[in-house]
Amino acid sequence: MGTRNGPYKADFPKGSIVRVKSREFLEDYLHTWKYHHPLEDFQLSFAGRIATVSSVGYYHAGDELYTLDGILGIWNESCLELPEDSN
């Protein structure tokens, strides 16, 4: 929910380059996230991939939801990072 910029202010605006977090992170997230837009099993295969943000939407309370060019699915902000970050 807007970890860097606060609610309703995209941490990764449209056009930003992001990396999907590690498979280990995604597997944990898949099993522990119990709210809106949970990850789907197929999304694990995109771990570590770099992509451009194609759109940003918001769930109520300001949680950011992203779509990425060339990568299927809806992504919660916590599953993405800047390419220079590491987990």
PDB file of N, CA and C in Angstrom:
ATOM      1  N   MET A   1       0.826  -1.174   0.000  1.00  0.00           N
ATOM      2  CA  MET A   1       0.000   0.000   0.000  1.00  0.00           C
ATOM      3  C   MET A   1       0.873   1.241   0.000  1.00  0.00           C
ATOM      4  N   GLY A   2       1.388   1.598  -1.129  1.00  0.00           N
ATOM      5  CA  GLY A   2       2.169   2.811  -1.231  1.00  0.00           C
ATOM      6  C   GLY A   2       3.340   2.867  -0.274  1.00  0.00           C
ATOM      7  N   THR A   3       4.138   1.821  -0.256  1.00  0.00           N
ATOM      8  CA  THR A   3       5.257   1.737   0.670  1.00  0.00           C
ATOM      9  C   THR A   3       6.171   2.951   0.567  1.00  0.00           C
ATOM     10  N   ARG A   4       6.440   3.385  -0.637  1.00  0.00           N
ATOM     11  CA  ARG A   4       7.368   4.500  -0.827  1.00  0.00           C
ATOM     12  C   ARG A   4       6.670   5.866  -0.818  1.00  0.00           C
ATOM     13  N   ASN A   5       5.514   5.978  -1.477  1.00  0.00           N
ATOM     14  CA  ASN A   5       4.893   7.280  -1.703  1.00  0.00           C
ATOM     15  C   ASN A   5       3.567   7.498  -0.978  1.00  0.00           C
ATOM     16  N   GLY A   6       3.079   6.522  -0.247  1.00  0.00           N
ATOM     17  CA  GLY A   6       1.813   6.672   0.452  1.00  0.00           C
ATOM     18  C   GLY A   6       0.638   6.212  -0.396  1.00  0.00           C
ATOM     19  N   PRO A   7      -0.559   6.198   0.201  1.00  0.00           N
ATOM     20  CA  PRO A   7      -1.736   5.687  -0.497  1.00  0.00           C
ATOM     21  C   PRO A   7      -2.130   6.536  -1.714  1.00  0.00           C
ATOM     22  N   TYR A   8      -2.546   5.857  -2.758  1.00  0.00           N
ATOM     23  CA  TYR A   8      -3.023   6.468  -4.008  1.00  0.00           C
ATOM     24  C   TYR A   8      -1.957   7.282  -4.732  1.00  0.00           C
ATOM     25  N   LYS A   9      -0.701   7.008  -4.452  1.00  0.00           N
ATOM     26  CA  LYS A   9       0.421   7.617  -5.170  1.00  0.00           C
ATOM     27  C   LYS A   9       1.342   6.466  -5.548  1.00  0.00           C
ATOM     28  N   ALA A  10       1.303   6.086  -6.797  1.00  0.00           N
ATOM     29  CA  ALA A  10       2.006   4.885  -7.253  1.00  0.00           C
ATOM     30  C   ALA A  10       3.482   4.900  -6.909  1.00  0.00           C
ATOM     31  N   ASP A  11       3.932   3.827  -6.283  1.00  0.00           N
ATOM     32  CA  ASP A  11       5.358   3.651  -6.039  1.00  0.00           C
ATOM     33  C   ASP A  11       6.089   3.443  -7.362  1.00  0.00           C
ATOM     34  N   PHE A  12       5.403   2.831  -8.318  1.00  0.00           N
ATOM     35  CA  PHE A  12       5.969   2.566  -9.640  1.00  0.00           C
ATOM     36  C   PHE A  12       4.993   3.113 -10.689  1.00  0.00           C
ATOM     37  N   PRO A  13       5.109   4.397 -11.063  1.00  0.00           N
ATOM     38  CA  PRO A  13       4.185   4.974 -12.043  1.00  0.00           C
ATOM     39  C   PRO A  13       4.276   4.274 -13.396  1.00  0.00           C
ATOM     40  N   LYS A  14       3.234   4.425 -14.196  1.00  0.00           N
ATOM     41  CA  LYS A  14       3.219   3.866 -15.552  1.00  0.00           C
ATOM     42  C   LYS A  14       4.512   4.257 -16.258  1.00  0.00           C
ATOM     43  N   GLY A  15       5.132   3.262 -16.913  1.00  0.00           N
ATOM     44  CA  GLY A  15       6.393   3.484 -17.608  1.00  0.00           C
ATOM     45  C   GLY A  15       7.625   3.142 -16.779  1.00  0.00           C
ATOM     46  N   SER A  16       7.445   2.913 -15.478  1.00  0.00           N
ATOM     47  CA  SER A  16       8.569   2.539 -14.615  1.00  0.00           C
ATOM     48  C   SER A  16       9.081   1.149 -14.977  1.00  0.00           C
ATOM     49  N   ILE A  17      10.367   0.950 -14.793  1.00  0.00           N
ATOM     50  CA  ILE A  17      10.975  -0.363 -14.971  1.00  0.00           C
ATOM     51  C   ILE A  17      11.024  -1.014 -13.587  1.00  0.00           C
ATOM     52  N   VAL A  18      10.473  -2.223 -13.498  1.00  0.00           N
ATOM     53  CA  VAL A  18      10.428  -2.953 -12.223  1.00  0.00           C
ATOM     54  C   VAL A  18      10.903  -4.385 -12.434  1.00  0.00           C
ATOM     55  N   ARG A  19      11.220  -5.020 -11.325  1.00  0.00           N
ATOM     56  CA  ARG A  19      11.547  -6.448 -11.344  1.00  0.00           C
ATOM     57  C   ARG A  19      10.559  -7.153 -10.435  1.00  0.00           C
ATOM     58  N   VAL A  20      10.065  -8.299 -10.904  1.00  0.00           N
ATOM     59  CA  VAL A  20       9.248  -9.159 -10.060  1.00  0.00           C
ATOM     60  C   VAL A  20      10.194  -9.779  -9.041  1.00  0.00           C
ATOM     61  N   LYS A  21       9.773  -9.800  -7.788  1.00  0.00           N
ATOM     62  CA  LYS A  21      10.636 -10.319  -6.726  1.00  0.00           C
ATOM     63  C   LYS A  21      10.948 -11.807  -6.937  1.00  0.00           C
ATOM     64  N   SER A  22      11.804 -12.325  -6.086  1.00  0.00           N
ATOM     65  CA  SER A  22      12.312 -13.697  -6.214  1.00  0.00           C
ATOM     66  C   SER A  22      11.207 -14.745  -6.100  1.00  0.00           C
ATOM     67  N   ARG A  23      11.482 -15.910  -6.642  1.00  0.00           N
ATOM     68  CA  ARG A  23      10.527 -17.014  -6.551  1.00  0.00           C
ATOM     69  C   ARG A  23      10.247 -17.364  -5.085  1.00  0.00           C
ATOM     70  N   GLU A  24      11.268 -17.345  -4.259  1.00  0.00           N
ATOM     71  CA  GLU A  24      11.084 -17.637  -2.834  1.00  0.00           C
ATOM     72  C   GLU A  24      10.082 -16.657  -2.214  1.00  0.00           C
ATOM     73  N   PHE A  25      10.247 -15.365  -2.509  1.00  0.00           N
ATOM     74  CA  PHE A  25       9.312 -14.368  -2.001  1.00  0.00           C
ATOM     75  C   PHE A  25       7.908 -14.646  -2.518  1.00  0.00           C
ATOM     76  N   LEU A  26       7.774 -14.886  -3.832  1.00  0.00           N
ATOM     77  CA  LEU A  26       6.456 -15.109  -4.431  1.00  0.00           C
ATOM     78  C   LEU A  26       5.772 -16.346  -3.860  1.00  0.00           C
ATOM     79  N   GLU A  27       6.528 -17.415  -3.634  1.00  0.00           N
ATOM     80  CA  GLU A  27       5.934 -18.626  -3.057  1.00  0.00           C
ATOM     81  C   GLU A  27       5.386 -18.348  -1.661  1.00  0.00           C
ATOM     82  N   ASP A  28       6.139 -17.613  -0.861  1.00  0.00           N
ATOM     83  CA  ASP A  28       5.669 -17.248   0.477  1.00  0.00           C
ATOM     84  C   ASP A  28       4.425 -16.366   0.373  1.00  0.00           C
ATOM     85  N   TYR A  29       4.461 -15.395  -0.510  1.00  0.00           N
ATOM     86  CA  TYR A  29       3.336 -14.476  -0.699  1.00  0.00           C
ATOM     87  C   TYR A  29       2.081 -15.234  -1.148  1.00  0.00           C
ATOM     88  N   LEU A  30       2.269 -16.177  -2.050  1.00  0.00           N
ATOM     89  CA  LEU A  30       1.157 -16.990  -2.551  1.00  0.00           C
ATOM     90  C   LEU A  30       0.433 -17.691  -1.407  1.00  0.00           C
ATOM     91  N   HIS A  31       1.179 -18.144  -0.413  1.00  0.00           N
ATOM     92  CA  HIS A  31       0.591 -18.913   0.690  1.00  0.00           C
ATOM     93  C   HIS A  31       0.163 -18.058   1.878  1.00  0.00           C
ATOM     94  N   THR A  32       0.638 -16.826   1.959  1.00  0.00           N
ATOM     95  CA  THR A  32       0.314 -16.018   3.136  1.00  0.00           C
ATOM     96  C   THR A  32      -0.636 -14.854   2.855  1.00  0.00           C
ATOM     97  N   TRP A  33      -0.658 -14.334   1.634  1.00  0.00           N
ATOM     98  CA  TRP A  33      -1.531 -13.194   1.311  1.00  0.00           C
ATOM     99  C   TRP A  33      -2.959 -13.690   1.215  1.00  0.00           C
ATOM    100  N   LYS A  34      -3.850 -13.141   2.015  1.00  0.00           N
ATOM    101  CA  LYS A  34      -5.232 -13.629   2.101  1.00  0.00           C
ATOM    102  C   LYS A  34      -6.258 -12.590   1.658  1.00  0.00           C
ATOM    103  N   TYR A  35      -5.826 -11.524   1.027  1.00  0.00           N
ATOM    104  CA  TYR A  35      -6.748 -10.446   0.685  1.00  0.00           C
ATOM    105  C   TYR A  35      -7.010 -10.402  -0.812  1.00  0.00           C
ATOM    106  N   HIS A  36      -7.253  -9.237  -1.338  1.00  0.00           N
ATOM    107  CA  HIS A  36      -7.597  -9.050  -2.750  1.00  0.00           C
ATOM    108  C   HIS A  36      -6.467  -9.452  -3.693  1.00  0.00           C
ATOM    109  N   HIS A  37      -6.832  -9.836  -4.885  1.00  0.00           N
ATOM    110  CA  HIS A  37      -5.901 -10.154  -5.965  1.00  0.00           C
ATOM    111  C   HIS A  37      -4.731 -11.033  -5.535  1.00  0.00           C
ATOM    112  N   PRO A  38      -5.016 -12.219  -5.006  1.00  0.00           N
ATOM    113  CA  PRO A  38      -3.909 -13.116  -4.649  1.00  0.00           C
ATOM    114  C   PRO A  38      -3.143 -13.545  -5.898  1.00  0.00           C
ATOM    115  N   LEU A  39      -1.902 -13.919  -5.707  1.00  0.00           N
ATOM    116  CA  LEU A  39      -1.123 -14.452  -6.830  1.00  0.00           C
ATOM    117  C   LEU A  39      -1.741 -15.760  -7.303  1.00  0.00           C
ATOM    118  N   GLU A  40      -1.527 -16.045  -8.554  1.00  0.00           N
ATOM    119  CA  GLU A  40      -1.928 -17.331  -9.114  1.00  0.00           C
ATOM    120  C   GLU A  40      -0.648 -18.130  -9.370  1.00  0.00           C
ATOM    121  N   ASP A  41      -0.780 -19.443  -9.352  1.00  0.00           N
ATOM    122  CA  ASP A  41       0.398 -20.310  -9.509  1.00  0.00           C
ATOM    123  C   ASP A  41       1.253 -19.946 -10.726  1.00  0.00           C
ATOM    124  N   PHE A  42       0.625 -19.623 -11.850  1.00  0.00           N
ATOM    125  CA  PHE A  42       1.388 -19.337 -13.069  1.00  0.00           C
ATOM    126  C   PHE A  42       2.303 -18.127 -12.904  1.00  0.00           C
ATOM    127  N   GLN A  43       1.974 -17.223 -11.969  1.00  0.00           N
ATOM    128  CA  GLN A  43       2.786 -16.019 -11.799  1.00  0.00           C
ATOM    129  C   GLN A  43       4.163 -16.313 -11.217  1.00  0.00           C
ATOM    130  N   LEU A  44       4.323 -17.450 -10.572  1.00  0.00           N
ATOM    131  CA  LEU A  44       5.632 -17.815 -10.013  1.00  0.00           C
ATOM    132  C   LEU A  44       6.703 -17.894 -11.091  1.00  0.00           C
ATOM    133  N   SER A  45       6.297 -18.257 -12.306  1.00  0.00           N
ATOM    134  CA  SER A  45       7.275 -18.411 -13.392  1.00  0.00           C
ATOM    135  C   SER A  45       7.877 -17.073 -13.835  1.00  0.00           C
ATOM    136  N   PHE A  46       7.316 -15.967 -13.386  1.00  0.00           N
ATOM    137  CA  PHE A  46       7.835 -14.654 -13.761  1.00  0.00           C
ATOM    138  C   PHE A  46       8.815 -14.082 -12.734  1.00  0.00           C
ATOM    139  N   ALA A  47       9.154 -14.838 -11.720  1.00  0.00           N
ATOM    140  CA  ALA A  47      10.088 -14.375 -10.677  1.00  0.00           C
ATOM    141  C   ALA A  47      11.380 -13.870 -11.309  1.00  0.00           C
ATOM    142  N   GLY A  48      11.822 -12.708 -10.849  1.00  0.00           N
ATOM    143  CA  GLY A  48      13.081 -12.144 -11.321  1.00  0.00           C
ATOM    144  C   GLY A  48      13.015 -11.411 -12.646  1.00  0.00           C
ATOM    145  N   ARG A  49      11.892 -11.478 -13.348  1.00  0.00           N
ATOM    146  CA  ARG A  49      11.775 -10.827 -14.654  1.00  0.00           C
ATOM    147  C   ARG A  49      11.670  -9.317 -14.501  1.00  0.00           C
ATOM    148  N   ILE A  50      12.239  -8.629 -15.447  1.00  0.00           N
ATOM    149  CA  ILE A  50      12.172  -7.166 -15.494  1.00  0.00           C
ATOM    150  C   ILE A  50      11.169  -6.773 -16.563  1.00  0.00           C
ATOM    151  N   ALA A  51      10.338  -5.771 -16.235  1.00  0.00           N
ATOM    152  CA  ALA A  51       9.293  -5.339 -17.159  1.00  0.00           C
ATOM    153  C   ALA A  51       8.966  -3.874 -16.924  1.00  0.00           C
ATOM    154  N   THR A  52       8.183  -3.331 -17.837  1.00  0.00           N
ATOM    155  CA  THR A  52       7.697  -1.958 -17.741  1.00  0.00           C
ATOM    156  C   THR A  52       6.264  -1.975 -17.219  1.00  0.00           C
ATOM    157  N   VAL A  53       5.966  -1.086 -16.289  1.00  0.00           N
ATOM    158  CA  VAL A  53       4.604  -0.957 -15.767  1.00  0.00           C
ATOM    159  C   VAL A  53       3.715  -0.411 -16.887  1.00  0.00           C
ATOM    160  N   SER A  54       2.644  -1.150 -17.215  1.00  0.00           N
ATOM    161  CA  SER A  54       1.730  -0.685 -18.256  1.00  0.00           C
ATOM    162  C   SER A  54       0.517   0.025 -17.678  1.00  0.00           C
ATOM    163  N   SER A  55       0.123  -0.317 -16.443  1.00  0.00           N
ATOM    164  CA  SER A  55      -0.975   0.409 -15.797  1.00  0.00           C
ATOM    165  C   SER A  55      -0.907   0.223 -14.292  1.00  0.00           C
ATOM    166  N   VAL A  56      -1.507   1.189 -13.605  1.00  0.00           N
ATOM    167  CA  VAL A  56      -1.597   1.157 -12.144  1.00  0.00           C
ATOM    168  C   VAL A  56      -3.046   1.387 -11.774  1.00  0.00           C
ATOM    169  N   GLY A  57      -3.556   0.548 -10.875  1.00  0.00           N
ATOM    170  CA  GLY A  57      -4.885   0.733 -10.325  1.00  0.00           C
ATOM    171  C   GLY A  57      -4.784   0.653  -8.814  1.00  0.00           C
ATOM    172  N   TYR A  58      -5.889   0.910  -8.164  1.00  0.00           N
ATOM    173  CA  TYR A  58      -5.884   0.917  -6.697  1.00  0.00           C
ATOM    174  C   TYR A  58      -7.071   0.140  -6.160  1.00  0.00           C
ATOM    175  N   TYR A  59      -6.807  -0.651  -5.156  1.00  0.00           N
ATOM    176  CA  TYR A  59      -7.855  -1.288  -4.387  1.00  0.00           C
ATOM    177  C   TYR A  59      -8.230  -0.292  -3.303  1.00  0.00           C
ATOM    178  N   HIS A  60      -9.414  -0.430  -2.727  1.00  0.00           N
ATOM    179  CA  HIS A  60      -9.780   0.545  -1.689  1.00  0.00           C
ATOM    180  C   HIS A  60      -8.728   0.534  -0.583  1.00  0.00           C
ATOM    181  N   ALA A  61      -8.536   1.631   0.061  1.00  0.00           N
ATOM    182  CA  ALA A  61      -7.510   1.863   1.080  1.00  0.00           C
ATOM    183  C   ALA A  61      -6.141   2.131   0.453  1.00  0.00           C
ATOM    184  N   GLY A  62      -6.077   2.200  -0.869  1.00  0.00           N
ATOM    185  CA  GLY A  62      -4.855   2.635  -1.518  1.00  0.00           C
ATOM    186  C   GLY A  62      -3.881   1.562  -1.957  1.00  0.00           C
ATOM    187  N   ASP A  63      -4.205   0.277  -1.785  1.00  0.00           N
ATOM    188  CA  ASP A  63      -3.297  -0.779  -2.244  1.00  0.00           C
ATOM    189  C   ASP A  63      -3.116  -0.675  -3.754  1.00  0.00           C
ATOM    190  N   GLU A  64      -1.872  -0.695  -4.185  1.00  0.00           N
ATOM    191  CA  GLU A  64      -1.549  -0.549  -5.599  1.00  0.00           C
ATOM    192  C   GLU A  64      -1.590  -1.888  -6.315  1.00  0.00           C
ATOM    193  N   LEU A  65      -2.182  -1.886  -7.500  1.00  0.00           N
ATOM    194  CA  LEU A  65      -2.268  -3.081  -8.342  1.00  0.00           C
ATOM    195  C   LEU A  65      -1.691  -2.723  -9.701  1.00  0.00           C
ATOM    196  N   TYR A  66      -0.776  -3.546 -10.174  1.00  0.00           N
ATOM    197  CA  TYR A  66      -0.038  -3.254 -11.396  1.00  0.00           C
ATOM    198  C   TYR A  66      -0.261  -4.302 -12.469  1.00  0.00           C
ATOM    199  N   THR A  67      -0.233  -3.849 -13.728  1.00  0.00           N
ATOM    200  CA  THR A  67      -0.074  -4.758 -14.853  1.00  0.00           C
ATOM    201  C   THR A  67       1.256  -4.384 -15.505  1.00  0.00           C
ATOM    202  N   LEU A  68       1.905  -5.398 -16.062  1.00  0.00           N
ATOM    203  CA  LEU A  68       3.248  -5.234 -16.609  1.00  0.00           C
ATOM    204  C   LEU A  68       3.269  -5.661 -18.065  1.00  0.00           C
ATOM    205  N   ASP A  69       3.995  -4.925 -18.887  1.00  0.00           N
ATOM    206  CA  ASP A  69       4.132  -5.286 -20.296  1.00  0.00           C
ATOM    207  C   ASP A  69       4.800  -6.649 -20.424  1.00  0.00           C
ATOM    208  N   GLY A  70       4.159  -7.563 -21.129  1.00  0.00           N
ATOM    209  CA  GLY A  70       4.736  -8.874 -21.415  1.00  0.00           C
ATOM    210  C   GLY A  70       4.698  -9.862 -20.273  1.00  0.00           C
ATOM    211  N   ILE A  71       4.075  -9.495 -19.154  1.00  0.00           N
ATOM    212  CA  ILE A  71       3.991 -10.400 -18.005  1.00  0.00           C
ATOM    213  C   ILE A  71       2.530 -10.478 -17.581  1.00  0.00           C
ATOM    214  N   LEU A  72       1.995 -11.666 -17.574  1.00  0.00           N
ATOM    215  CA  LEU A  72       0.581 -11.858 -17.261  1.00  0.00           C
ATOM    216  C   LEU A  72       0.280 -11.639 -15.786  1.00  0.00           C
ATOM    217  N   GLY A  73      -0.961 -11.310 -15.498  1.00  0.00           N
ATOM    218  CA  GLY A  73      -1.440 -11.225 -14.130  1.00  0.00           C
ATOM    219  C   GLY A  73      -1.515  -9.809 -13.601  1.00  0.00           C
ATOM    220  N   ILE A  74      -2.151  -9.713 -12.452  1.00  0.00           N
ATOM    221  CA  ILE A  74      -2.219  -8.468 -11.697  1.00  0.00           C
ATOM    222  C   ILE A  74      -1.252  -8.624 -10.538  1.00  0.00           C
ATOM    223  N   TRP A  75      -0.447  -7.601 -10.327  1.00  0.00           N
ATOM    224  CA  TRP A  75       0.635  -7.679  -9.345  1.00  0.00           C
ATOM    225  C   TRP A  75       0.424  -6.676  -8.225  1.00  0.00           C
ATOM    226  N   ASN A  76       0.457  -7.144  -7.000  1.00  0.00           N
ATOM    227  CA  ASN A  76       0.440  -6.268  -5.839  1.00  0.00           C
ATOM    228  C   ASN A  76       1.804  -5.594  -5.720  1.00  0.00           C
ATOM    229  N   GLU A  77       1.795  -4.378  -5.209  1.00  0.00           N
ATOM    230  CA  GLU A  77       3.024  -3.584  -5.071  1.00  0.00           C
ATOM    231  C   GLU A  77       4.117  -4.362  -4.336  1.00  0.00           C
ATOM    232  N   SER A  78       3.745  -5.138  -3.321  1.00  0.00           N
ATOM    233  CA  SER A  78       4.764  -5.846  -2.535  1.00  0.00           C
ATOM    234  C   SER A  78       5.531  -6.911  -3.313  1.00  0.00           C
ATOM    235  N   CYS A  79       5.032  -7.307  -4.468  1.00  0.00           N
ATOM    236  CA  CYS A  79       5.695  -8.345  -5.275  1.00  0.00           C
ATOM    237  C   CYS A  79       6.681  -7.755  -6.276  1.00  0.00           C
ATOM    238  N   LEU A  80       6.804  -6.442  -6.284  1.00  0.00           N
ATOM    239  CA  LEU A  80       7.672  -5.757  -7.252  1.00  0.00           C
ATOM    240  C   LEU A  80       8.747  -4.963  -6.526  1.00  0.00           C
ATOM    241  N   GLU A  81       9.825  -4.708  -7.243  1.00  0.00           N
ATOM    242  CA  GLU A  81      10.914  -3.902  -6.704  1.00  0.00           C
ATOM    243  C   GLU A  81      11.612  -3.195  -7.850  1.00  0.00           C
ATOM    244  N   LEU A  82      12.388  -2.182  -7.510  1.00  0.00           N
ATOM    245  CA  LEU A  82      13.227  -1.550  -8.512  1.00  0.00           C
ATOM    246  C   LEU A  82      14.337  -2.529  -8.887  1.00  0.00           C
ATOM    247  N   PRO A  83      14.767  -2.552 -10.134  1.00  0.00           N
ATOM    248  CA  PRO A  83      15.790  -3.530 -10.536  1.00  0.00           C
ATOM    249  C   PRO A  83      17.060  -3.497  -9.719  1.00  0.00           C
ATOM    250  N   GLU A  84      17.455  -2.345  -9.189  1.00  0.00           N
ATOM    251  CA  GLU A  84      18.684  -2.289  -8.414  1.00  0.00           C
ATOM    252  C   GLU A  84      18.496  -2.793  -6.987  1.00  0.00           C
ATOM    253  N   ASP A  85      17.231  -2.956  -6.540  1.00  0.00           N
ATOM    254  CA  ASP A  85      16.979  -3.536  -5.207  1.00  0.00           C
ATOM    255  C   ASP A  85      17.254  -5.030  -5.260  1.00  0.00           C
ATOM    256  N   SER A  86      17.461  -5.640  -4.134  1.00  0.00           N
ATOM    257  CA  SER A  86      17.601  -7.099  -4.096  1.00  0.00           C
ATOM    258  C   SER A  86      16.935  -7.645  -2.848  1.00  0.00           C
ATOM    259  N   ASN A  87      16.369  -8.835  -2.981  1.00  0.00           N
ATOM    260  CA  ASN A  87      15.741  -9.545  -1.850  1.00  0.00           C
ATOM    261  C   ASN A  87      16.363 -10.892  -1.724  1.00  0.00           C
TER     262      ASN A  87
END
